[in-house]
Amino acid sequence: MSLPKTRLIRKKGDQGFALIEVMFAIIILAVGLLGLAALLAQLTGTTTQSRYLGAEVMLASEKLEDLGQLDYNTYKATSLAAGGSLTAATAGYTDTVQISARNGMINDLNALDTATDMIQFQRRWVVETNTPNNRVQRITVLIIPLTGNAVERNATFQTSSIRPCDTTAGC
C-alpha cells in the first residue's frame, strides 16, 4: 500500500521574507542601537558633570557659612575685610580644597592611590561692603575645578550671600 503524495500549494503571499525586507529591518535596528549608544555616552558625561557641580555647590555653601559666622569687628583685617577677586587668586581670599573622587567608598585600601583619588577645587571669594545697600556686606564665592577632564571641569559655580554689618566697623 502506498501513501498518497500530497503537494504543498503555496499562496503567492506565503513565500517568506525577501532579502530586501531583512536588510531594512537590520538597518532600522542598527539606527536604533546607535541612538541608544549615543544617549548612554551623553548620560555618562552628564552624570560626571553633575557630580562635580554637586561638590561645587557644597563647597560654596560651606565657605559662605564659614564667612557668614565671622564677626566683622574681630576679622575685619583678614578674610572678612572688603577685597578679593574672582578673576585671580588673591592671598587671604582663596583656598584649595580636595575631596574624594570615590565619594568615600574604598573597596581596597591597598590599591588606594591618593593622587588619583582626590578631586581639587579652588575657592575664591570677594567681600564687598555697602553693596547693594548701605550697611550690607555681600560675599561672593566662586568654585573652580582644578582636576578632571574637560567635561568634568566644564562648569564653575558662583553664589553670593548678603548680610548686615555693623556701622561702627566702617561698613
C-alpha atoms as a PDB file:
ATOM      1  CA  MET A   1       0.000   0.000   0.000  1.00  0.00           C
ATOM      2  CA  SER A   2       1.374   3.333  -0.934  1.00  0.00           C
ATOM      3  CA  LEU A   3       0.642   6.627   0.693  1.00  0.00           C
ATOM      4  CA  PRO A   4      -0.616   9.376  -1.495  1.00  0.00           C
ATOM      5  CA  LYS A   5       1.855  12.118  -2.076  1.00  0.00           C
ATOM      6  CA  THR A   6       0.474  15.467  -1.213  1.00  0.00           C
ATOM      7  CA  ARG A   7       1.584  18.542  -2.890  1.00  0.00           C
ATOM      8  CA  LEU A   8       2.166  21.664  -0.921  1.00  0.00           C
ATOM      9  CA  ILE A   9       0.429  24.531  -2.518  1.00  0.00           C
ATOM     10  CA  ARG A  10       1.700  27.899  -1.536  1.00  0.00           C
ATOM     11  CA  LYS A  11      -0.105  31.089  -1.978  1.00  0.00           C
ATOM     12  CA  LYS A  12       1.744  33.926  -3.568  1.00  0.00           C
ATOM     13  CA  GLY A  13       1.974  35.935  -0.249  1.00  0.00           C
ATOM     14  CA  ASP A  14       3.312  32.993   1.827  1.00  0.00           C
ATOM     15  CA  GLN A  15       6.776  32.802   0.387  1.00  0.00           C
ATOM     16  CA  GLY A  16       8.640  34.193   3.471  1.00  0.00           C
ATOM     17  CA  PHE A  17      10.769  37.287   3.863  1.00  0.00           C
ATOM     18  CA  ALA A  18      12.616  38.758   0.982  1.00  0.00           C
ATOM     19  CA  LEU A  19      16.238  39.702   1.380  1.00  0.00           C
ATOM     20  CA  ILE A  20      15.422  43.383   0.995  1.00  0.00           C
ATOM     21  CA  GLU A  21      12.955  43.229   3.902  1.00  0.00           C
ATOM     22  CA  VAL A  22      15.568  41.653   6.155  1.00  0.00           C
ATOM     23  CA  MET A  23      18.097  44.324   5.176  1.00  0.00           C
ATOM     24  CA  PHE A  24      15.643  47.123   6.014  1.00  0.00           C
ATOM     25  CA  ALA A  25      14.922  45.536   9.390  1.00  0.00           C
ATOM     26  CA  ILE A  26      18.651  45.330  10.156  1.00  0.00           C
ATOM     27  CA  ILE A  27      19.174  48.967   9.140  1.00  0.00           C
ATOM     28  CA  ILE A  28      16.314  50.149  11.382  1.00  0.00           C
ATOM     29  CA  LEU A  29      17.663  48.100  14.283  1.00  0.00           C
ATOM     30  CA  ALA A  30      21.201  49.455  13.750  1.00  0.00           C
ATOM     31  CA  VAL A  31      19.991  53.084  13.732  1.00  0.00           C
ATOM     32  CA  GLY A  32      18.065  52.475  16.954  1.00  0.00           C
ATOM     33  CA  LEU A  33      21.068  50.877  18.659  1.00  0.00           C
ATOM     34  CA  LEU A  34      23.371  53.706  17.553  1.00  0.00           C
ATOM     35  CA  GLY A  35      20.928  56.228  19.000  1.00  0.00           C
ATOM     36  CA  LEU A  36      20.854  54.305  22.268  1.00  0.00           C
ATOM     37  CA  ALA A  37      24.674  54.214  22.395  1.00  0.00           C
ATOM     38  CA  ALA A  38      24.841  57.993  21.834  1.00  0.00           C
ATOM     39  CA  LEU A  39      22.285  58.522  24.607  1.00  0.00           C
ATOM     40  CA  LEU A  40      24.311  56.403  27.039  1.00  0.00           C
ATOM     41  CA  ALA A  41      27.504  58.333  26.212  1.00  0.00           C
ATOM     42  CA  GLN A  42      25.720  61.641  26.830  1.00  0.00           C
ATOM     43  CA  LEU A  43      24.269  60.312  30.087  1.00  0.00           C
ATOM     44  CA  THR A  44      27.718  59.327  31.349  1.00  0.00           C
ATOM     45  CA  GLY A  45      29.124  62.802  30.686  1.00  0.00           C
ATOM     46  CA  THR A  46      26.130  64.499  32.285  1.00  0.00           C
ATOM     47  CA  THR A  47      26.353  62.300  35.379  1.00  0.00           C
ATOM     48  CA  THR A  48      30.026  63.156  35.858  1.00  0.00           C
ATOM     49  CA  GLN A  49      29.374  66.853  35.345  1.00  0.00           C
ATOM     50  CA  SER A  50      26.508  66.826  37.856  1.00  0.00           C
ATOM     51  CA  ARG A  51      28.754  65.119  40.419  1.00  0.00           C
ATOM     52  CA  TYR A  52      31.256  67.955  40.046  1.00  0.00           C
ATOM     53  CA  LEU A  53      28.506  70.586  40.229  1.00  0.00           C
ATOM     54  CA  GLY A  54      27.120  68.990  43.389  1.00  0.00           C
ATOM     55  CA  ALA A  55      30.551  69.147  45.001  1.00  0.00           C
ATOM     56  CA  GLU A  56      30.914  72.786  43.912  1.00  0.00           C
ATOM     57  CA  VAL A  57      27.574  73.730  45.483  1.00  0.00           C
ATOM     58  CA  MET A  58      28.566  72.028  48.736  1.00  0.00           C
ATOM     59  CA  LEU A  59      31.963  73.762  48.852  1.00  0.00           C
ATOM     60  CA  ALA A  60      30.486  77.186  48.061  1.00  0.00           C
ATOM     61  CA  SER A  61      27.762  76.933  50.693  1.00  0.00           C
ATOM     62  CA  GLU A  62      30.326  75.691  53.228  1.00  0.00           C
ATOM     63  CA  LYS A  63      32.556  78.721  52.569  1.00  0.00           C
ATOM     64  CA  LEU A  64      29.624  81.152  52.707  1.00  0.00           C
ATOM     65  CA  GLU A  65      28.572  79.619  56.004  1.00  0.00           C
ATOM     66  CA  ASP A  66      32.104  79.897  57.424  1.00  0.00           C
ATOM     67  CA  LEU A  67      32.470  83.534  56.351  1.00  0.00           C
ATOM     68  CA  GLY A  68      28.938  84.408  57.453  1.00  0.00           C
ATOM     69  CA  GLN A  69      29.656  83.284  61.003  1.00  0.00           C
ATOM     70  CA  LEU A  70      32.702  85.540  61.380  1.00  0.00           C
ATOM     71  CA  ASP A  71      32.235  88.723  63.363  1.00  0.00           C
ATOM     72  CA  TYR A  72      33.132  91.720  61.227  1.00  0.00           C
ATOM     73  CA  ASN A  73      34.758  93.667  64.062  1.00  0.00           C
ATOM     74  CA  THR A  74      37.021  90.768  65.000  1.00  0.00           C
ATOM     75  CA  TYR A  75      38.032  89.699  61.488  1.00  0.00           C
ATOM     76  CA  LYS A  76      37.915  92.931  59.523  1.00  0.00           C
ATOM     77  CA  ALA A  77      41.672  92.746  58.859  1.00  0.00           C
ATOM     78  CA  THR A  78      41.534  89.190  57.490  1.00  0.00           C
ATOM     79  CA  SER A  79      39.288  87.223  55.142  1.00  0.00           C
ATOM     80  CA  LEU A  80      36.148  89.187  56.007  1.00  0.00           C
ATOM     81  CA  ALA A  81      37.540  92.609  55.077  1.00  0.00           C
ATOM     82  CA  ALA A  82      36.433  94.132  51.802  1.00  0.00           C
ATOM     83  CA  GLY A  83      38.552  92.816  48.960  1.00  0.00           C
ATOM     84  CA  GLY A  84      39.353  89.722  46.988  1.00  0.00           C
ATOM     85  CA  SER A  85      38.944  88.818  43.340  1.00  0.00           C
ATOM     86  CA  LEU A  86      37.040  86.247  41.343  1.00  0.00           C
ATOM     87  CA  THR A  87      39.380  86.515  38.364  1.00  0.00           C
ATOM     88  CA  ALA A  88      42.681  85.946  40.179  1.00  0.00           C
ATOM     89  CA  ALA A  89      43.835  84.175  43.315  1.00  0.00           C
ATOM     90  CA  THR A  90      44.248  86.857  45.992  1.00  0.00           C
ATOM     91  CA  ALA A  91      46.111  85.990  49.184  1.00  0.00           C
ATOM     92  CA  GLY A  92      43.680  85.656  52.078  1.00  0.00           C
ATOM     93  CA  TYR A  93      40.712  85.309  49.708  1.00  0.00           C
ATOM     94  CA  THR A  94      41.412  81.924  48.165  1.00  0.00           C
ATOM     95  CA  ASP A  95      41.977  78.342  49.206  1.00  0.00           C
ATOM     96  CA  THR A  96      42.305  74.920  47.598  1.00  0.00           C
ATOM     97  CA  VAL A  97      40.104  72.043  48.725  1.00  0.00           C
ATOM     98  CA  GLN A  98      40.489  68.330  47.970  1.00  0.00           C
ATOM     99  CA  ILE A  99      37.655  65.829  48.210  1.00  0.00           C
ATOM    100  CA  SER A 100      37.489  62.130  47.437  1.00  0.00           C
ATOM    101  CA  ALA A 101      36.537  61.208  43.879  1.00  0.00           C
ATOM    102  CA  ARG A 102      35.008  57.970  45.127  1.00  0.00           C
ATOM    103  CA  ASN A 103      32.502  59.600  47.495  1.00  0.00           C
ATOM    104  CA  GLY A 104      34.187  57.915  50.441  1.00  0.00           C
ATOM    105  CA  MET A 105      33.757  54.400  49.006  1.00  0.00           C
ATOM    106  CA  ILE A 106      37.025  52.458  49.010  1.00  0.00           C
ATOM    107  CA  ASN A 107      36.969  48.779  48.086  1.00  0.00           C
ATOM    108  CA  ASP A 108      40.663  48.001  48.505  1.00  0.00           C
ATOM    109  CA  LEU A 109      42.732  50.114  50.896  1.00  0.00           C
ATOM    110  CA  ASN A 110      45.962  48.678  49.480  1.00  0.00           C
ATOM    111  CA  ALA A 111      45.056  49.871  45.982  1.00  0.00           C
ATOM    112  CA  LEU A 112      44.198  53.402  47.114  1.00  0.00           C
ATOM    113  CA  ASP A 113      46.124  55.964  45.093  1.00  0.00           C
ATOM    114  CA  THR A 114      45.686  59.330  46.774  1.00  0.00           C
ATOM    115  CA  ALA A 115      46.954  61.171  43.696  1.00  0.00           C
ATOM    116  CA  THR A 116      44.107  59.908  41.511  1.00  0.00           C
ATOM    117  CA  ASP A 117      41.521  59.554  44.257  1.00  0.00           C
ATOM    118  CA  MET A 118      41.294  63.263  45.021  1.00  0.00           C
ATOM    119  CA  ILE A 119      39.416  65.994  43.158  1.00  0.00           C
ATOM    120  CA  GLN A 120      40.779  69.509  43.670  1.00  0.00           C
ATOM    121  CA  PHE A 121      38.803  72.734  43.652  1.00  0.00           C
ATOM    122  CA  GLN A 122      39.928  76.309  44.134  1.00  0.00           C
ATOM    123  CA  ARG A 123      37.647  78.616  46.103  1.00  0.00           C
ATOM    124  CA  ARG A 124      37.885  82.377  45.574  1.00  0.00           C
ATOM    125  CA  TRP A 125      35.758  84.907  47.370  1.00  0.00           C
ATOM    126  CA  VAL A 126      35.085  88.600  47.246  1.00  0.00           C
ATOM    127  CA  VAL A 127      33.781  90.663  50.145  1.00  0.00           C
ATOM    128  CA  GLU A 128      32.031  93.903  49.196  1.00  0.00           C
ATOM    129  CA  THR A 129      30.724  96.408  51.702  1.00  0.00           C
ATOM    130  CA  ASN A 130      27.793  98.777  51.184  1.00  0.00           C
ATOM    131  CA  THR A 131      26.680  96.669  48.238  1.00  0.00           C
ATOM    132  CA  PRO A 132      23.878  96.665  47.155  1.00  0.00           C
ATOM    133  CA  ASN A 133      22.829  98.985  50.043  1.00  0.00           C
ATOM    134  CA  ASN A 134      24.497 100.792  52.919  1.00  0.00           C
ATOM    135  CA  ARG A 135      25.240  98.649  55.978  1.00  0.00           C
ATOM    136  CA  VAL A 136      25.189  95.485  53.886  1.00  0.00           C
ATOM    137  CA  GLN A 137      28.043  93.171  53.102  1.00  0.00           C
ATOM    138  CA  ARG A 138      27.931  90.897  50.039  1.00  0.00           C
ATOM    139  CA  ILE A 139      30.145  87.825  49.954  1.00  0.00           C
ATOM    140  CA  THR A 140      30.544  86.070  46.594  1.00  0.00           C
ATOM    141  CA  VAL A 141      32.226  82.670  46.328  1.00  0.00           C
ATOM    142  CA  LEU A 142      33.500  81.149  43.073  1.00  0.00           C
ATOM    143  CA  ILE A 143      34.402  77.448  42.859  1.00  0.00           C
ATOM    144  CA  ILE A 144      36.778  76.331  40.080  1.00  0.00           C
ATOM    145  CA  PRO A 145      37.541  72.626  39.464  1.00  0.00           C
ATOM    146  CA  LEU A 146      41.297  72.068  39.070  1.00  0.00           C
ATOM    147  CA  THR A 147      41.320  68.334  38.276  1.00  0.00           C
ATOM    148  CA  GLY A 148      39.339  66.184  35.871  1.00  0.00           C
ATOM    149  CA  ASN A 149      38.838  66.188  32.124  1.00  0.00           C
ATOM    150  CA  ALA A 150      37.212  68.931  30.049  1.00  0.00           C
ATOM    151  CA  VAL A 151      33.673  67.600  30.593  1.00  0.00           C
ATOM    152  CA  GLU A 152      34.153  67.471  34.340  1.00  0.00           C
ATOM    153  CA  ARG A 153      35.676  70.971  34.523  1.00  0.00           C
ATOM    154  CA  ASN A 154      33.030  72.445  32.225  1.00  0.00           C
ATOM    155  CA  ALA A 155      31.057  74.300  34.897  1.00  0.00           C
ATOM    156  CA  THR A 156      32.165  76.640  37.635  1.00  0.00           C
ATOM    157  CA  PHE A 157      29.795  77.641  40.399  1.00  0.00           C
ATOM    158  CA  GLN A 158      29.333  81.137  41.833  1.00  0.00           C
ATOM    159  CA  THR A 159      26.977  82.223  44.596  1.00  0.00           C
ATOM    160  CA  SER A 160      26.515  85.255  46.827  1.00  0.00           C
ATOM    161  CA  SER A 161      25.287  85.892  50.322  1.00  0.00           C
ATOM    162  CA  ILE A 162      24.195  89.236  51.767  1.00  0.00           C
ATOM    163  CA  ARG A 163      24.411  90.032  55.466  1.00  0.00           C
ATOM    164  CA  PRO A 164      24.028  93.168  57.554  1.00  0.00           C
ATOM    165  CA  CYS A 165      27.201  94.591  59.028  1.00  0.00           C
ATOM    166  CA  ASP A 166      27.942  96.861  61.935  1.00  0.00           C
ATOM    167  CA  THR A 167      28.019 100.558  61.027  1.00  0.00           C
ATOM    168  CA  THR A 168      30.621 101.274  63.697  1.00  0.00           C
ATOM    169  CA  ALA A 169      33.027  98.902  61.951  1.00  0.00           C
ATOM    170  CA  GLY A 170      33.250 101.122  58.907  1.00  0.00           C
ATOM    171  CA  CYS A 171      30.873  99.126  56.785  1.00  0.00           C
END
